[in-house]
């Protein structure tokens, strides 16, 4: 704990006010690192991209994983296969998956564009090379990666809902949709709260898929805060001071979002 948590935590605060390239002694520079960060266009672009990813990935992953859990919450002949298939991306190397999806998104010869051309689309998108589509391409991969894990959590939550509630609803003549809205979703509210908190933390820390697929491009349209931190810390500039400031900003953002969620928990979670 002292070596790998407490010391790096304290030292990162010191680095926020220092200039250090990992080879020479740290030099105190006051608030210069903060000034560099707040006038940096790339920093603000990475912040904006992070929140765009949150707006896309969090709700779509939540809906996808919940829908999969509801659809498979019945006696299926190969139910175990479905669970394993949905969960498989979580136990597969993210780097390997990102490379495969990069081939899928290839503008020429990629599977996706080949299908679109076969359907009659004359000019299919340049997925990872076009500012308009790059974020969506990365988001789709991220949703596909995360949905299986949260599907397992929702699937476990569904098994804790008393069957008597559904039986009473059947007697009253409730439709499947009404049972989902009136029973399933309220009874899963605590699970949904957990999933949303974990999803937000996941998206704030998006790095591997972006680094492998786009490197943050084109024109920094897929750049994220973790990428900003990584490239300033271990890139040619080796500016550990600026990277430390960005790391603390990321930590504070995650902390604020989590605190707000816990404040809202009493209003939205069915106990």
C-alpha atoms as a PDB file:
ATOM      1  CA  UNK A   1       0.000   0.000   0.000  1.00  0.00           C
ATOM      2  CA  UNK A   2       2.787   2.430   0.909  1.00  0.00           C
ATOM      3  CA  UNK A   3       4.896   1.639  -2.165  1.00  0.00           C
ATOM      4  CA  UNK A   4       2.206   1.353  -4.838  1.00  0.00           C
ATOM      5  CA  UNK A   5      -0.640   3.592  -3.582  1.00  0.00           C
ATOM      6  CA  UNK A   6       0.256   6.156  -0.930  1.00  0.00           C
ATOM      7  CA  UNK A   7       3.708   7.216  -2.193  1.00  0.00           C
ATOM      8  CA  UNK A   8       2.645   7.618  -5.884  1.00  0.00           C
ATOM      9  CA  UNK A   9      -0.445   9.509  -4.746  1.00  0.00           C
ATOM     10  CA  UNK A  10       1.515  12.021  -2.668  1.00  0.00           C
ATOM     11  CA  UNK A  11       4.317  12.292  -5.219  1.00  0.00           C
ATOM     12  CA  UNK A  12       1.848  13.007  -8.019  1.00  0.00           C
ATOM     13  CA  UNK A  13       0.616  16.034  -6.054  1.00  0.00           C
ATOM     14  CA  UNK A  14       4.212  17.261  -5.790  1.00  0.00           C
ATOM     15  CA  UNK A  15       4.690  16.728  -9.539  1.00  0.00           C
ATOM     16  CA  UNK A  16       1.683  18.943 -10.275  1.00  0.00           C
ATOM     17  CA  UNK A  17       3.849  21.871  -9.216  1.00  0.00           C
ATOM     18  CA  UNK A  18       7.101  20.593 -10.728  1.00  0.00           C
ATOM     19  CA  UNK A  19       8.814  20.101 -14.066  1.00  0.00           C
ATOM     20  CA  UNK A  20      10.242  16.584 -14.337  1.00  0.00           C
ATOM     21  CA  UNK A  21      11.278  14.431 -17.291  1.00  0.00           C
ATOM     22  CA  UNK A  22      12.131  11.318 -15.198  1.00  0.00           C
ATOM     23  CA  UNK A  23      15.875  11.756 -15.814  1.00  0.00           C
ATOM     24  CA  UNK A  24      16.713  14.981 -13.994  1.00  0.00           C
ATOM     25  CA  UNK A  25      15.726  16.237 -10.554  1.00  0.00           C
ATOM     26  CA  UNK A  26      12.219  17.768 -10.335  1.00  0.00           C
ATOM     27  CA  UNK A  27      12.165  21.561 -10.578  1.00  0.00           C
ATOM     28  CA  UNK A  28       9.488  23.588  -8.796  1.00  0.00           C
ATOM     29  CA  UNK A  29       7.498  25.667 -11.321  1.00  0.00           C
ATOM     30  CA  UNK A  30       4.456  26.709  -9.271  1.00  0.00           C
ATOM     31  CA  UNK A  31       1.198  26.782 -11.225  1.00  0.00           C
ATOM     32  CA  UNK A  32       2.828  26.715 -14.659  1.00  0.00           C
ATOM     33  CA  UNK A  33       1.602  23.169 -15.371  1.00  0.00           C
ATOM     34  CA  UNK A  34      -1.973  24.233 -14.632  1.00  0.00           C
ATOM     35  CA  UNK A  35      -1.608  27.213 -16.981  1.00  0.00           C
ATOM     36  CA  UNK A  36      -0.310  24.957 -19.766  1.00  0.00           C
ATOM     37  CA  UNK A  37      -3.186  22.540 -19.293  1.00  0.00           C
ATOM     38  CA  UNK A  38      -5.978  25.111 -19.324  1.00  0.00           C
ATOM     39  CA  UNK A  39      -4.766  26.875 -22.485  1.00  0.00           C
ATOM     40  CA  UNK A  40      -4.125  23.611 -24.338  1.00  0.00           C
ATOM     41  CA  UNK A  41      -6.609  22.997 -27.156  1.00  0.00           C
ATOM     42  CA  UNK A  42      -5.874  19.282 -27.145  1.00  0.00           C
ATOM     43  CA  UNK A  43      -6.723  19.015 -23.440  1.00  0.00           C
ATOM     44  CA  UNK A  44     -10.139  20.599 -23.916  1.00  0.00           C
ATOM     45  CA  UNK A  45     -10.752  18.457 -26.986  1.00  0.00           C
ATOM     46  CA  UNK A  46      -9.922  15.299 -25.002  1.00  0.00           C
ATOM     47  CA  UNK A  47     -12.293  16.467 -22.253  1.00  0.00           C
ATOM     48  CA  UNK A  48     -15.068  17.006 -24.786  1.00  0.00           C
ATOM     49  CA  UNK A  49     -14.442  13.627 -26.412  1.00  0.00           C
ATOM     50  CA  UNK A  50     -14.588  11.911 -23.020  1.00  0.00           C
ATOM     51  CA  UNK A  51     -18.035  13.359 -22.303  1.00  0.00           C
ATOM     52  CA  UNK A  52     -19.216  12.517 -25.821  1.00  0.00           C
ATOM     53  CA  UNK A  53     -18.168   8.910 -25.220  1.00  0.00           C
ATOM     54  CA  UNK A  54     -20.096   8.978 -21.941  1.00  0.00           C
ATOM     55  CA  UNK A  55     -23.218  10.244 -23.724  1.00  0.00           C
ATOM     56  CA  UNK A  56     -22.961   7.465 -26.340  1.00  0.00           C
ATOM     57  CA  UNK A  57     -21.445   4.440 -24.602  1.00  0.00           C
ATOM     58  CA  UNK A  58     -23.107   4.536 -21.164  1.00  0.00           C
ATOM     59  CA  UNK A  59     -26.804   4.568 -22.217  1.00  0.00           C
ATOM     60  CA  UNK A  60     -26.336   2.252 -25.214  1.00  0.00           C
ATOM     61  CA  UNK A  61     -24.323  -0.288 -23.208  1.00  0.00           C
ATOM     62  CA  UNK A  62     -26.924  -0.159 -20.438  1.00  0.00           C
ATOM     63  CA  UNK A  63     -29.798  -0.724 -22.877  1.00  0.00           C
ATOM     64  CA  UNK A  64     -27.951  -3.450 -24.796  1.00  0.00           C
ATOM     65  CA  UNK A  65     -26.900  -5.469 -21.752  1.00  0.00           C
ATOM     66  CA  UNK A  66     -30.334  -5.148 -20.081  1.00  0.00           C
ATOM     67  CA  UNK A  67     -32.117  -6.162 -23.286  1.00  0.00           C
ATOM     68  CA  UNK A  68     -29.877  -9.221 -23.701  1.00  0.00           C
ATOM     69  CA  UNK A  69     -30.526 -10.228 -20.089  1.00  0.00           C
ATOM     70  CA  UNK A  70     -34.313  -9.904 -20.472  1.00  0.00           C
ATOM     71  CA  UNK A  71     -34.371 -11.802 -23.773  1.00  0.00           C
ATOM     72  CA  UNK A  72     -32.339 -14.702 -22.371  1.00  0.00           C
ATOM     73  CA  UNK A  73     -34.125 -14.794 -18.996  1.00  0.00           C
ATOM     74  CA  UNK A  74     -36.100 -17.864 -19.964  1.00  0.00           C
ATOM     75  CA  UNK A  75     -35.530 -21.552 -20.566  1.00  0.00           C
ATOM     76  CA  UNK A  76     -33.329 -21.747 -23.636  1.00  0.00           C
ATOM     77  CA  UNK A  77     -31.742 -24.957 -24.961  1.00  0.00           C
ATOM     78  CA  UNK A  78     -28.279 -23.373 -25.219  1.00  0.00           C
ATOM     79  CA  UNK A  79     -28.495 -20.697 -22.532  1.00  0.00           C
ATOM     80  CA  UNK A  80     -24.999 -21.394 -21.225  1.00  0.00           C
ATOM     81  CA  UNK A  81     -23.646 -20.876 -24.715  1.00  0.00           C
ATOM     82  CA  UNK A  82     -25.339 -17.457 -24.895  1.00  0.00           C
ATOM     83  CA  UNK A  83     -23.804 -16.406 -21.579  1.00  0.00           C
ATOM     84  CA  UNK A  84     -20.335 -17.531 -22.627  1.00  0.00           C
ATOM     85  CA  UNK A  85     -20.646 -15.880 -26.058  1.00  0.00           C
ATOM     86  CA  UNK A  86     -21.769 -12.526 -24.610  1.00  0.00           C
ATOM     87  CA  UNK A  87     -19.084 -12.581 -21.920  1.00  0.00           C
ATOM     88  CA  UNK A  88     -16.228 -13.731 -24.193  1.00  0.00           C
ATOM     89  CA  UNK A  89     -15.105 -10.210 -25.264  1.00  0.00           C
ATOM     90  CA  UNK A  90     -14.408  -9.352 -21.611  1.00  0.00           C
ATOM     91  CA  UNK A  91     -11.856 -12.159 -21.246  1.00  0.00           C
ATOM     92  CA  UNK A  92     -10.214 -11.567 -24.626  1.00  0.00           C
ATOM     93  CA  UNK A  93      -7.290  -9.184 -25.098  1.00  0.00           C
ATOM     94  CA  UNK A  94      -8.602  -5.696 -25.819  1.00  0.00           C
ATOM     95  CA  UNK A  95      -5.619  -5.035 -28.080  1.00  0.00           C
ATOM     96  CA  UNK A  96      -6.355  -8.125 -30.171  1.00  0.00           C
ATOM     97  CA  UNK A  97     -10.047  -7.220 -30.411  1.00  0.00           C
ATOM     98  CA  UNK A  98      -9.236  -3.628 -31.397  1.00  0.00           C
ATOM     99  CA  UNK A  99      -6.939  -4.875 -34.162  1.00  0.00           C
ATOM    100  CA  UNK A 100      -9.668  -7.182 -35.509  1.00  0.00           C
ATOM    101  CA  UNK A 101     -12.192  -4.326 -35.481  1.00  0.00           C
ATOM    102  CA  UNK A 102      -9.647  -2.117 -37.252  1.00  0.00           C
ATOM    103  CA  UNK A 103      -9.699  -4.652 -40.105  1.00  0.00           C
ATOM    104  CA  UNK A 104     -13.514  -4.639 -40.029  1.00  0.00           C
ATOM    105  CA  UNK A 105     -13.494  -0.844 -40.375  1.00  0.00           C
ATOM    106  CA  UNK A 106     -10.951  -0.786 -43.228  1.00  0.00           C
ATOM    107  CA  UNK A 107     -12.268   1.537 -45.969  1.00  0.00           C
ATOM    108  CA  UNK A 108     -11.149  -0.853 -48.732  1.00  0.00           C
ATOM    109  CA  UNK A 109     -11.619  -4.570 -48.204  1.00  0.00           C
ATOM    110  CA  UNK A 110     -13.091  -4.227 -44.712  1.00  0.00           C
ATOM    111  CA  UNK A 111     -16.039  -6.484 -43.902  1.00  0.00           C
ATOM    112  CA  UNK A 112     -18.356  -3.628 -42.927  1.00  0.00           C
ATOM    113  CA  UNK A 113     -17.800  -1.550 -46.064  1.00  0.00           C
ATOM    114  CA  UNK A 114     -17.974  -4.679 -48.236  1.00  0.00           C
ATOM    115  CA  UNK A 115     -21.452  -5.351 -46.814  1.00  0.00           C
ATOM    116  CA  UNK A 116     -22.493  -1.728 -47.358  1.00  0.00           C
ATOM    117  CA  UNK A 117     -21.266  -1.831 -50.968  1.00  0.00           C
ATOM    118  CA  UNK A 118     -23.196  -5.065 -51.453  1.00  0.00           C
ATOM    119  CA  UNK A 119     -26.318  -3.277 -50.179  1.00  0.00           C
ATOM    120  CA  UNK A 120     -25.861  -0.539 -52.759  1.00  0.00           C
ATOM    121  CA  UNK A 121     -23.970   2.140 -50.823  1.00  0.00           C
ATOM    122  CA  UNK A 122     -21.653   3.759 -53.387  1.00  0.00           C
ATOM    123  CA  UNK A 123     -19.431   5.737 -51.032  1.00  0.00           C
ATOM    124  CA  UNK A 124     -19.206   3.940 -47.667  1.00  0.00           C
ATOM    125  CA  UNK A 125     -17.712   5.869 -44.748  1.00  0.00           C
ATOM    126  CA  UNK A 126     -13.996   6.076 -44.006  1.00  0.00           C
ATOM    127  CA  UNK A 127     -14.765   4.905 -40.475  1.00  0.00           C
ATOM    128  CA  UNK A 128     -11.521   5.465 -38.589  1.00  0.00           C
ATOM    129  CA  UNK A 129     -10.173   8.166 -40.911  1.00  0.00           C
ATOM    130  CA  UNK A 130     -13.241  10.444 -40.866  1.00  0.00           C
ATOM    131  CA  UNK A 131     -13.861  12.881 -37.996  1.00  0.00           C
ATOM    132  CA  UNK A 132     -17.640  12.394 -38.351  1.00  0.00           C
ATOM    133  CA  UNK A 133     -17.517   8.605 -37.898  1.00  0.00           C
ATOM    134  CA  UNK A 134     -14.388   7.867 -35.845  1.00  0.00           C
ATOM    135  CA  UNK A 135     -16.035   8.456 -32.442  1.00  0.00           C
ATOM    136  CA  UNK A 136     -18.987   6.274 -33.399  1.00  0.00           C
ATOM    137  CA  UNK A 137     -16.686   3.517 -34.651  1.00  0.00           C
ATOM    138  CA  UNK A 138     -14.763   3.480 -31.362  1.00  0.00           C
ATOM    139  CA  UNK A 139     -18.010   3.713 -29.350  1.00  0.00           C
ATOM    140  CA  UNK A 140     -19.528   0.693 -31.125  1.00  0.00           C
ATOM    141  CA  UNK A 141     -16.456  -1.368 -30.263  1.00  0.00           C
ATOM    142  CA  UNK A 142     -16.568  -0.169 -26.663  1.00  0.00           C
ATOM    143  CA  UNK A 143     -20.250  -1.097 -26.334  1.00  0.00           C
ATOM    144  CA  UNK A 144     -19.558  -4.538 -27.806  1.00  0.00           C
ATOM    145  CA  UNK A 145     -16.686  -5.026 -25.341  1.00  0.00           C
ATOM    146  CA  UNK A 146     -18.583  -3.993 -22.224  1.00  0.00           C
ATOM    147  CA  UNK A 147     -22.120  -5.272 -22.863  1.00  0.00           C
ATOM    148  CA  UNK A 148     -21.319  -8.908 -22.035  1.00  0.00           C
ATOM    149  CA  UNK A 149     -19.965  -8.140 -18.571  1.00  0.00           C
ATOM    150  CA  UNK A 150     -22.971  -6.051 -17.589  1.00  0.00           C
ATOM    151  CA  UNK A 151     -25.277  -8.616 -19.178  1.00  0.00           C
ATOM    152  CA  UNK A 152     -24.033 -11.144 -16.600  1.00  0.00           C
ATOM    153  CA  UNK A 153     -24.766  -8.653 -13.788  1.00  0.00           C
ATOM    154  CA  UNK A 154     -28.295  -7.955 -15.061  1.00  0.00           C
ATOM    155  CA  UNK A 155     -28.877 -11.672 -15.591  1.00  0.00           C
ATOM    156  CA  UNK A 156     -28.013 -12.304 -11.935  1.00  0.00           C
ATOM    157  CA  UNK A 157     -30.267  -9.404 -10.873  1.00  0.00           C
ATOM    158  CA  UNK A 158     -33.212 -10.815 -12.807  1.00  0.00           C
ATOM    159  CA  UNK A 159     -32.972 -14.077 -10.888  1.00  0.00           C
ATOM    160  CA  UNK A 160     -33.491 -12.206  -7.613  1.00  0.00           C
ATOM    161  CA  UNK A 161     -36.856 -10.783  -8.686  1.00  0.00           C
ATOM    162  CA  UNK A 162     -39.677 -12.782  -7.029  1.00  0.00           C
ATOM    163  CA  UNK A 163     -41.628 -14.814  -9.584  1.00  0.00           C
ATOM    164  CA  UNK A 164     -44.833 -14.059  -7.668  1.00  0.00           C
ATOM    165  CA  UNK A 165     -44.773 -10.503  -9.025  1.00  0.00           C
ATOM    166  CA  UNK A 166     -44.876 -11.746 -12.604  1.00  0.00           C
ATOM    167  CA  UNK A 167     -47.537 -14.330 -11.782  1.00  0.00           C
ATOM    168  CA  UNK A 168     -49.743 -11.622 -10.249  1.00  0.00           C
ATOM    169  CA  UNK A 169     -49.174  -9.453 -13.320  1.00  0.00           C
ATOM    170  CA  UNK A 170     -50.169 -12.370 -15.590  1.00  0.00           C
ATOM    171  CA  UNK A 171     -53.401 -12.789 -13.650  1.00  0.00           C
ATOM    172  CA  UNK A 172     -54.121  -9.077 -14.143  1.00  0.00           C
ATOM    173  CA  UNK A 173     -53.501  -9.476 -17.871  1.00  0.00           C
ATOM    174  CA  UNK A 174     -50.342  -7.325 -18.057  1.00  0.00           C
ATOM    175  CA  UNK A 175     -48.443  -7.407 -21.353  1.00  0.00           C
ATOM    176  CA  UNK A 176     -44.712  -8.316 -21.464  1.00  0.00           C
ATOM    177  CA  UNK A 177     -43.827  -4.669 -22.080  1.00  0.00           C
ATOM    178  CA  UNK A 178     -45.876  -3.478 -19.107  1.00  0.00           C
ATOM    179  CA  UNK A 179     -44.302  -6.136 -16.864  1.00  0.00           C
ATOM    180  CA  UNK A 180     -40.875  -4.945 -17.946  1.00  0.00           C
ATOM    181  CA  UNK A 181     -41.676  -1.295 -17.199  1.00  0.00           C
ATOM    182  CA  UNK A 182     -43.610  -1.840 -13.961  1.00  0.00           C
ATOM    183  CA  UNK A 183     -41.742  -4.791 -12.441  1.00  0.00           C
ATOM    184  CA  UNK A 184     -38.401  -5.587 -14.055  1.00  0.00           C
ATOM    185  CA  UNK A 185     -36.883  -2.107 -14.313  1.00  0.00           C
ATOM    186  CA  UNK A 186     -37.944  -0.905 -10.798  1.00  0.00           C
ATOM    187  CA  UNK A 187     -36.713  -4.147  -9.213  1.00  0.00           C
ATOM    188  CA  UNK A 188     -33.391  -3.803 -11.046  1.00  0.00           C
ATOM    189  CA  UNK A 189     -32.866  -0.166 -10.066  1.00  0.00           C
ATOM    190  CA  UNK A 190     -30.112  -0.952  -7.554  1.00  0.00           C
ATOM    191  CA  UNK A 191     -28.340  -3.120 -10.132  1.00  0.00           C
ATOM    192  CA  UNK A 192     -28.739  -0.387 -12.748  1.00  0.00           C
ATOM    193  CA  UNK A 193     -27.232   2.132 -10.334  1.00  0.00           C
ATOM    194  CA  UNK A 194     -24.166  -0.080  -9.876  1.00  0.00           C
ATOM    195  CA  UNK A 195     -23.868  -0.631 -13.633  1.00  0.00           C
ATOM    196  CA  UNK A 196     -24.063   3.102 -14.405  1.00  0.00           C
ATOM    197  CA  UNK A 197     -21.370   3.933 -11.815  1.00  0.00           C
ATOM    198  CA  UNK A 198     -19.048   1.250 -13.184  1.00  0.00           C
ATOM    199  CA  UNK A 199     -19.765   2.214 -16.797  1.00  0.00           C
ATOM    200  CA  UNK A 200     -18.920   5.848 -16.140  1.00  0.00           C
ATOM    201  CA  UNK A 201     -15.617   4.880 -14.544  1.00  0.00           C
ATOM    202  CA  UNK A 202     -14.901   2.552 -17.496  1.00  0.00           C
ATOM    203  CA  UNK A 203     -15.575   5.261 -20.064  1.00  0.00           C
ATOM    204  CA  UNK A 204     -13.524   7.862 -18.187  1.00  0.00           C
ATOM    205  CA  UNK A 205     -10.607   5.408 -18.447  1.00  0.00           C
ATOM    206  CA  UNK A 206     -10.981   4.499 -22.143  1.00  0.00           C
ATOM    207  CA  UNK A 207      -7.523   4.001 -23.586  1.00  0.00           C
ATOM    208  CA  UNK A 208      -6.660   0.644 -25.189  1.00  0.00           C
ATOM    209  CA  UNK A 209      -9.244   0.601 -27.959  1.00  0.00           C
ATOM    210  CA  UNK A 210      -8.618   4.238 -28.900  1.00  0.00           C
ATOM    211  CA  UNK A 211      -4.825   3.865 -28.823  1.00  0.00           C
ATOM    212  CA  UNK A 212      -4.845   0.781 -31.056  1.00  0.00           C
ATOM    213  CA  UNK A 213      -7.556   1.805 -33.524  1.00  0.00           C
ATOM    214  CA  UNK A 214      -6.998   5.521 -34.092  1.00  0.00           C
ATOM    215  CA  UNK A 215      -4.136   6.747 -31.889  1.00  0.00           C
ATOM    216  CA  UNK A 216      -6.469   9.592 -30.948  1.00  0.00           C
ATOM    217  CA  UNK A 217      -7.026  10.794 -34.513  1.00  0.00           C
ATOM    218  CA  UNK A 218      -8.151  11.995 -36.907  1.00  0.00           C
ATOM    219  CA  UNK A 219      -7.521  15.563 -35.722  1.00  0.00           C
ATOM    220  CA  UNK A 220      -7.757  14.420 -32.071  1.00  0.00           C
ATOM    221  CA  UNK A 221     -11.441  13.563 -32.599  1.00  0.00           C
ATOM    222  CA  UNK A 222     -11.114  10.327 -30.572  1.00  0.00           C
ATOM    223  CA  UNK A 223      -8.537  11.563 -28.062  1.00  0.00           C
ATOM    224  CA  UNK A 224      -9.375  10.845 -24.403  1.00  0.00           C
ATOM    225  CA  UNK A 225      -8.031  12.087 -21.090  1.00  0.00           C
ATOM    226  CA  UNK A 226      -6.092   8.849 -20.381  1.00  0.00           C
ATOM    227  CA  UNK A 227      -4.445   9.210 -23.809  1.00  0.00           C
ATOM    228  CA  UNK A 228      -3.559  12.817 -23.029  1.00  0.00           C
ATOM    229  CA  UNK A 229      -1.991  11.706 -19.747  1.00  0.00           C
ATOM    230  CA  UNK A 230      -0.100   8.837 -21.401  1.00  0.00           C
ATOM    231  CA  UNK A 231       1.381  10.852 -24.273  1.00  0.00           C
ATOM    232  CA  UNK A 232       2.569  13.691 -22.037  1.00  0.00           C
ATOM    233  CA  UNK A 233       4.005  11.311 -19.435  1.00  0.00           C
ATOM    234  CA  UNK A 234       5.712   8.818 -21.762  1.00  0.00           C
ATOM    235  CA  UNK A 235       5.842  10.647 -25.081  1.00  0.00           C
ATOM    236  CA  UNK A 236       8.750  12.655 -26.505  1.00  0.00           C
ATOM    237  CA  UNK A 237       8.123  15.588 -24.145  1.00  0.00           C
ATOM    238  CA  UNK A 238       8.182  13.397 -20.989  1.00  0.00           C
ATOM    239  CA  UNK A 239       6.288  16.155 -19.182  1.00  0.00           C
ATOM    240  CA  UNK A 240       5.346  14.328 -15.989  1.00  0.00           C
ATOM    241  CA  UNK A 241       4.153  17.546 -14.347  1.00  0.00           C
ATOM    242  CA  UNK A 242       1.465  18.203 -16.927  1.00  0.00           C
ATOM    243  CA  UNK A 243       0.504  14.521 -16.936  1.00  0.00           C
ATOM    244  CA  UNK A 244       0.123  14.626 -13.135  1.00  0.00           C
ATOM    245  CA  UNK A 245      -2.214  17.630 -13.352  1.00  0.00           C
ATOM    246  CA  UNK A 246      -4.332  15.894 -16.015  1.00  0.00           C
ATOM    247  CA  UNK A 247      -4.428  12.735 -13.855  1.00  0.00           C
ATOM    248  CA  UNK A 248      -5.777  14.651 -10.887  1.00  0.00           C
ATOM    249  CA  UNK A 249      -8.354  16.386 -13.075  1.00  0.00           C
ATOM    250  CA  UNK A 250      -9.510  12.942 -14.251  1.00  0.00           C
ATOM    251  CA  UNK A 251      -9.636  11.710 -10.646  1.00  0.00           C
ATOM    252  CA  UNK A 252     -11.666  14.736  -9.538  1.00  0.00           C
ATOM    253  CA  UNK A 253     -14.109  14.334 -12.451  1.00  0.00           C
ATOM    254  CA  UNK A 254     -14.700  10.670 -11.612  1.00  0.00           C
ATOM    255  CA  UNK A 255     -15.109  11.583  -7.932  1.00  0.00           C
ATOM    256  CA  UNK A 256     -17.638  14.349  -8.654  1.00  0.00           C
ATOM    257  CA  UNK A 257     -19.713  12.141 -10.962  1.00  0.00           C
ATOM    258  CA  UNK A 258     -19.709   9.299  -8.418  1.00  0.00           C
ATOM    259  CA  UNK A 259     -20.719  11.587  -5.524  1.00  0.00           C
ATOM    260  CA  UNK A 260     -23.561  13.062  -7.593  1.00  0.00           C
ATOM    261  CA  UNK A 261     -24.779   9.579  -8.440  1.00  0.00           C
ATOM    262  CA  UNK A 262     -24.815   8.531  -4.795  1.00  0.00           C
ATOM    263  CA  UNK A 263     -26.726  11.715  -3.931  1.00  0.00           C
ATOM    264  CA  UNK A 264     -29.326  10.805  -6.542  1.00  0.00           C
ATOM    265  CA  UNK A 265     -29.459   7.165  -5.445  1.00  0.00           C
ATOM    266  CA  UNK A 266     -32.197   7.702  -2.844  1.00  0.00           C
ATOM    267  CA  UNK A 267     -34.466   9.273  -5.445  1.00  0.00           C
ATOM    268  CA  UNK A 268     -34.055   6.754  -8.255  1.00  0.00           C
ATOM    269  CA  UNK A 269     -33.241   3.432  -6.559  1.00  0.00           C
ATOM    270  CA  UNK A 270     -36.090   1.228  -5.412  1.00  0.00           C
ATOM    271  CA  UNK A 271     -35.183  -0.320  -2.059  1.00  0.00           C
END
